[in-house]
């Protein structure tokens, strides 16, 4: 079965959404050069994984919709987001940015989030659990 190219996946979307998604794709691939990009049609997104030895770890996505596009992170709840820039705080695990126009996409703002997302995905499940427990303790104390 042929894989769907990201450009073909994005083609039906409005120009501003398509352009914002293309900028996000470029930023992700510049920030994590060994990232593996692939369209996940069933999830309606372009997913990103990092190679970890013989396996890969899913860390993020670019998810277009007709009125905006999300840059999201699988383990976003573990990313330090002191300024509260990430959306999805009502979700259990995923966090994301939302863009309606390509001019809103700022590489400087996104780079640290993307790097952190890839780093967190590369951890073992136990290491991520430890970070989650640490966050829970901080919330209870603070």
C-alpha atoms as a PDB file:
ATOM      1  CA  UNK A   1       0.000   0.000   0.000  1.00  0.00           C
ATOM      2  CA  UNK A   2       1.343   3.423  -0.961  1.00  0.00           C
ATOM      3  CA  UNK A   3       1.833   5.940   1.805  1.00  0.00           C
ATOM      4  CA  UNK A   4      -0.006   9.223   1.494  1.00  0.00           C
ATOM      5  CA  UNK A   5       2.365  12.163   1.065  1.00  0.00           C
ATOM      6  CA  UNK A   6       1.846  14.994   3.561  1.00  0.00           C
ATOM      7  CA  UNK A   7       1.375  17.456   0.695  1.00  0.00           C
ATOM      8  CA  UNK A   8      -1.459  15.351  -0.720  1.00  0.00           C
ATOM      9  CA  UNK A   9      -3.021  14.993   2.726  1.00  0.00           C
ATOM     10  CA  UNK A  10      -2.969  18.796   3.186  1.00  0.00           C
ATOM     11  CA  UNK A  11      -4.167  19.641  -0.353  1.00  0.00           C
ATOM     12  CA  UNK A  12      -7.923  19.784   0.424  1.00  0.00           C
ATOM     13  CA  UNK A  13      -7.528  22.297   3.260  1.00  0.00           C
ATOM     14  CA  UNK A  14      -7.855  26.081   2.845  1.00  0.00           C
ATOM     15  CA  UNK A  15      -4.655  27.837   1.772  1.00  0.00           C
ATOM     16  CA  UNK A  16      -3.980  29.529   5.136  1.00  0.00           C
ATOM     17  CA  UNK A  17      -4.353  26.229   7.009  1.00  0.00           C
ATOM     18  CA  UNK A  18      -2.227  24.387   4.473  1.00  0.00           C
ATOM     19  CA  UNK A  19       0.508  27.048   4.657  1.00  0.00           C
ATOM     20  CA  UNK A  20       0.477  27.042   8.476  1.00  0.00           C
ATOM     21  CA  UNK A  21       0.699  23.238   8.480  1.00  0.00           C
ATOM     22  CA  UNK A  22       3.634  23.341   6.045  1.00  0.00           C
ATOM     23  CA  UNK A  23       5.463  25.822   8.299  1.00  0.00           C
ATOM     24  CA  UNK A  24       4.833  23.593  11.301  1.00  0.00           C
ATOM     25  CA  UNK A  25       6.113  20.533   9.416  1.00  0.00           C
ATOM     26  CA  UNK A  26       9.310  22.368   8.491  1.00  0.00           C
ATOM     27  CA  UNK A  27       9.858  23.538  12.076  1.00  0.00           C
ATOM     28  CA  UNK A  28       9.369  20.047  13.501  1.00  0.00           C
ATOM     29  CA  UNK A  29      11.805  18.526  11.003  1.00  0.00           C
ATOM     30  CA  UNK A  30      14.410  21.251  11.576  1.00  0.00           C
ATOM     31  CA  UNK A  31      14.077  20.962  15.349  1.00  0.00           C
ATOM     32  CA  UNK A  32      14.226  17.154  15.435  1.00  0.00           C
ATOM     33  CA  UNK A  33      16.199  16.237  12.278  1.00  0.00           C
ATOM     34  CA  UNK A  34      15.875  12.480  12.830  1.00  0.00           C
ATOM     35  CA  UNK A  35      12.086  12.683  13.259  1.00  0.00           C
ATOM     36  CA  UNK A  36      10.070  10.247  11.192  1.00  0.00           C
ATOM     37  CA  UNK A  37       7.109  11.941   9.549  1.00  0.00           C
ATOM     38  CA  UNK A  38       4.052  10.057   8.367  1.00  0.00           C
ATOM     39  CA  UNK A  39       0.446  10.742   7.507  1.00  0.00           C
ATOM     40  CA  UNK A  40      -1.971   8.901   9.760  1.00  0.00           C
ATOM     41  CA  UNK A  41      -5.185   9.143   7.747  1.00  0.00           C
ATOM     42  CA  UNK A  42      -7.318   7.394  10.371  1.00  0.00           C
ATOM     43  CA  UNK A  43      -6.270  10.000  12.934  1.00  0.00           C
ATOM     44  CA  UNK A  44      -6.538  12.861  10.392  1.00  0.00           C
ATOM     45  CA  UNK A  45      -3.036  14.107  11.130  1.00  0.00           C
ATOM     46  CA  UNK A  46       0.647  14.027  10.266  1.00  0.00           C
ATOM     47  CA  UNK A  47       2.474  12.224  13.051  1.00  0.00           C
ATOM     48  CA  UNK A  48       6.078  12.430  14.215  1.00  0.00           C
ATOM     49  CA  UNK A  49       8.181   9.767  15.899  1.00  0.00           C
ATOM     50  CA  UNK A  50      11.800   9.558  16.982  1.00  0.00           C
ATOM     51  CA  UNK A  51      13.965   6.468  16.547  1.00  0.00           C
ATOM     52  CA  UNK A  52      14.993   4.866  19.854  1.00  0.00           C
ATOM     53  CA  UNK A  53      17.248   1.923  19.110  1.00  0.00           C
ATOM     54  CA  UNK A  54      15.162  -0.581  17.136  1.00  0.00           C
ATOM     55  CA  UNK A  55      11.842   1.082  17.944  1.00  0.00           C
ATOM     56  CA  UNK A  56      10.255   4.468  17.391  1.00  0.00           C
ATOM     57  CA  UNK A  57       8.449   6.701  19.860  1.00  0.00           C
ATOM     58  CA  UNK A  58       5.517   8.880  18.797  1.00  0.00           C
ATOM     59  CA  UNK A  59       5.935  12.416  20.087  1.00  0.00           C
ATOM     60  CA  UNK A  60       3.750  14.843  18.183  1.00  0.00           C
ATOM     61  CA  UNK A  61       1.486  15.796  15.352  1.00  0.00           C
ATOM     62  CA  UNK A  62       0.284  18.438  12.942  1.00  0.00           C
ATOM     63  CA  UNK A  63      -3.498  18.155  12.735  1.00  0.00           C
ATOM     64  CA  UNK A  64      -5.280  20.385  10.223  1.00  0.00           C
ATOM     65  CA  UNK A  65      -8.962  21.225  10.429  1.00  0.00           C
ATOM     66  CA  UNK A  66     -10.937  23.543   8.137  1.00  0.00           C
ATOM     67  CA  UNK A  67     -10.586  26.590  10.443  1.00  0.00           C
ATOM     68  CA  UNK A  68      -7.258  25.949  12.219  1.00  0.00           C
ATOM     69  CA  UNK A  69      -4.315  23.602  12.589  1.00  0.00           C
ATOM     70  CA  UNK A  70      -2.898  22.084  15.762  1.00  0.00           C
ATOM     71  CA  UNK A  71       0.700  21.334  16.647  1.00  0.00           C
ATOM     72  CA  UNK A  72       0.340  18.773  19.395  1.00  0.00           C
ATOM     73  CA  UNK A  73       2.456  16.703  21.715  1.00  0.00           C
ATOM     74  CA  UNK A  74       1.628  13.180  22.878  1.00  0.00           C
ATOM     75  CA  UNK A  75       3.089  13.661  26.363  1.00  0.00           C
ATOM     76  CA  UNK A  76       2.323  17.359  26.549  1.00  0.00           C
ATOM     77  CA  UNK A  77       1.122  17.115  30.144  1.00  0.00           C
ATOM     78  CA  UNK A  78       4.777  16.580  31.109  1.00  0.00           C
ATOM     79  CA  UNK A  79       6.113  19.618  29.242  1.00  0.00           C
ATOM     80  CA  UNK A  80       6.994  22.598  31.420  1.00  0.00           C
ATOM     81  CA  UNK A  81       4.517  25.226  30.260  1.00  0.00           C
ATOM     82  CA  UNK A  82       5.023  27.954  32.844  1.00  0.00           C
ATOM     83  CA  UNK A  83       3.373  30.622  30.670  1.00  0.00           C
ATOM     84  CA  UNK A  84       0.308  28.465  29.982  1.00  0.00           C
ATOM     85  CA  UNK A  85       0.703  28.584  26.214  1.00  0.00           C
ATOM     86  CA  UNK A  86      -0.445  25.027  25.540  1.00  0.00           C
ATOM     87  CA  UNK A  87      -4.086  24.162  25.012  1.00  0.00           C
ATOM     88  CA  UNK A  88      -5.712  20.920  26.024  1.00  0.00           C
ATOM     89  CA  UNK A  89      -5.254  21.198  29.772  1.00  0.00           C
ATOM     90  CA  UNK A  90      -8.631  19.486  30.149  1.00  0.00           C
ATOM     91  CA  UNK A  91      -7.176  16.421  28.409  1.00  0.00           C
ATOM     92  CA  UNK A  92      -5.396  13.634  30.235  1.00  0.00           C
ATOM     93  CA  UNK A  93      -2.148  13.611  28.275  1.00  0.00           C
ATOM     94  CA  UNK A  94      -2.001  15.556  25.004  1.00  0.00           C
ATOM     95  CA  UNK A  95      -1.327  19.296  24.815  1.00  0.00           C
ATOM     96  CA  UNK A  96      -1.309  21.493  21.706  1.00  0.00           C
ATOM     97  CA  UNK A  97      -0.977  24.877  20.049  1.00  0.00           C
ATOM     98  CA  UNK A  98      -3.667  26.116  17.660  1.00  0.00           C
ATOM     99  CA  UNK A  99      -3.010  28.348  14.642  1.00  0.00           C
ATOM    100  CA  UNK A 100      -5.468  29.949  12.238  1.00  0.00           C
ATOM    101  CA  UNK A 101      -2.939  31.614   9.937  1.00  0.00           C
ATOM    102  CA  UNK A 102       0.668  30.905   8.919  1.00  0.00           C
ATOM    103  CA  UNK A 103       1.802  34.287  10.294  1.00  0.00           C
ATOM    104  CA  UNK A 104       0.948  33.064  13.812  1.00  0.00           C
ATOM    105  CA  UNK A 105       3.544  30.277  13.605  1.00  0.00           C
ATOM    106  CA  UNK A 106       6.761  31.316  15.403  1.00  0.00           C
ATOM    107  CA  UNK A 107       9.705  28.902  15.341  1.00  0.00           C
ATOM    108  CA  UNK A 108      11.378  30.535  18.343  1.00  0.00           C
ATOM    109  CA  UNK A 109       8.289  29.915  20.461  1.00  0.00           C
ATOM    110  CA  UNK A 110       7.826  26.301  19.348  1.00  0.00           C
ATOM    111  CA  UNK A 111      11.335  24.870  19.280  1.00  0.00           C
ATOM    112  CA  UNK A 112      11.694  24.163  22.988  1.00  0.00           C
ATOM    113  CA  UNK A 113       8.279  22.494  23.124  1.00  0.00           C
ATOM    114  CA  UNK A 114       9.097  20.257  20.164  1.00  0.00           C
ATOM    115  CA  UNK A 115      12.498  19.276  21.599  1.00  0.00           C
ATOM    116  CA  UNK A 116      10.949  18.532  24.976  1.00  0.00           C
ATOM    117  CA  UNK A 117       8.169  16.461  23.376  1.00  0.00           C
ATOM    118  CA  UNK A 118      10.710  14.315  21.512  1.00  0.00           C
ATOM    119  CA  UNK A 119      12.807  13.902  24.680  1.00  0.00           C
ATOM    120  CA  UNK A 120       9.790  12.852  26.742  1.00  0.00           C
ATOM    121  CA  UNK A 121       8.656  10.325  24.132  1.00  0.00           C
ATOM    122  CA  UNK A 122      12.119   8.738  24.170  1.00  0.00           C
ATOM    123  CA  UNK A 123      11.877   8.033  27.915  1.00  0.00           C
ATOM    124  CA  UNK A 124      10.702   4.673  29.160  1.00  0.00           C
ATOM    125  CA  UNK A 125       7.137   4.320  30.383  1.00  0.00           C
ATOM    126  CA  UNK A 126       8.500   4.087  33.937  1.00  0.00           C
ATOM    127  CA  UNK A 127      10.478   7.295  33.573  1.00  0.00           C
ATOM    128  CA  UNK A 128       7.396   9.125  32.289  1.00  0.00           C
ATOM    129  CA  UNK A 129       5.351   7.705  35.155  1.00  0.00           C
ATOM    130  CA  UNK A 130       7.940   9.038  37.599  1.00  0.00           C
ATOM    131  CA  UNK A 131       7.643  12.513  36.078  1.00  0.00           C
ATOM    132  CA  UNK A 132       3.844  12.306  36.290  1.00  0.00           C
ATOM    133  CA  UNK A 133       4.017  11.352  39.956  1.00  0.00           C
ATOM    134  CA  UNK A 134       6.467  14.196  40.611  1.00  0.00           C
ATOM    135  CA  UNK A 135       4.015  16.654  39.004  1.00  0.00           C
ATOM    136  CA  UNK A 136       1.155  15.298  41.112  1.00  0.00           C
ATOM    137  CA  UNK A 137       3.182  15.844  44.318  1.00  0.00           C
ATOM    138  CA  UNK A 138       4.066  19.405  43.287  1.00  0.00           C
ATOM    139  CA  UNK A 139       0.381  20.170  42.586  1.00  0.00           C
ATOM    140  CA  UNK A 140      -0.650  18.833  45.998  1.00  0.00           C
ATOM    141  CA  UNK A 141       2.018  20.871  47.793  1.00  0.00           C
ATOM    142  CA  UNK A 142       1.733  24.011  45.751  1.00  0.00           C
END
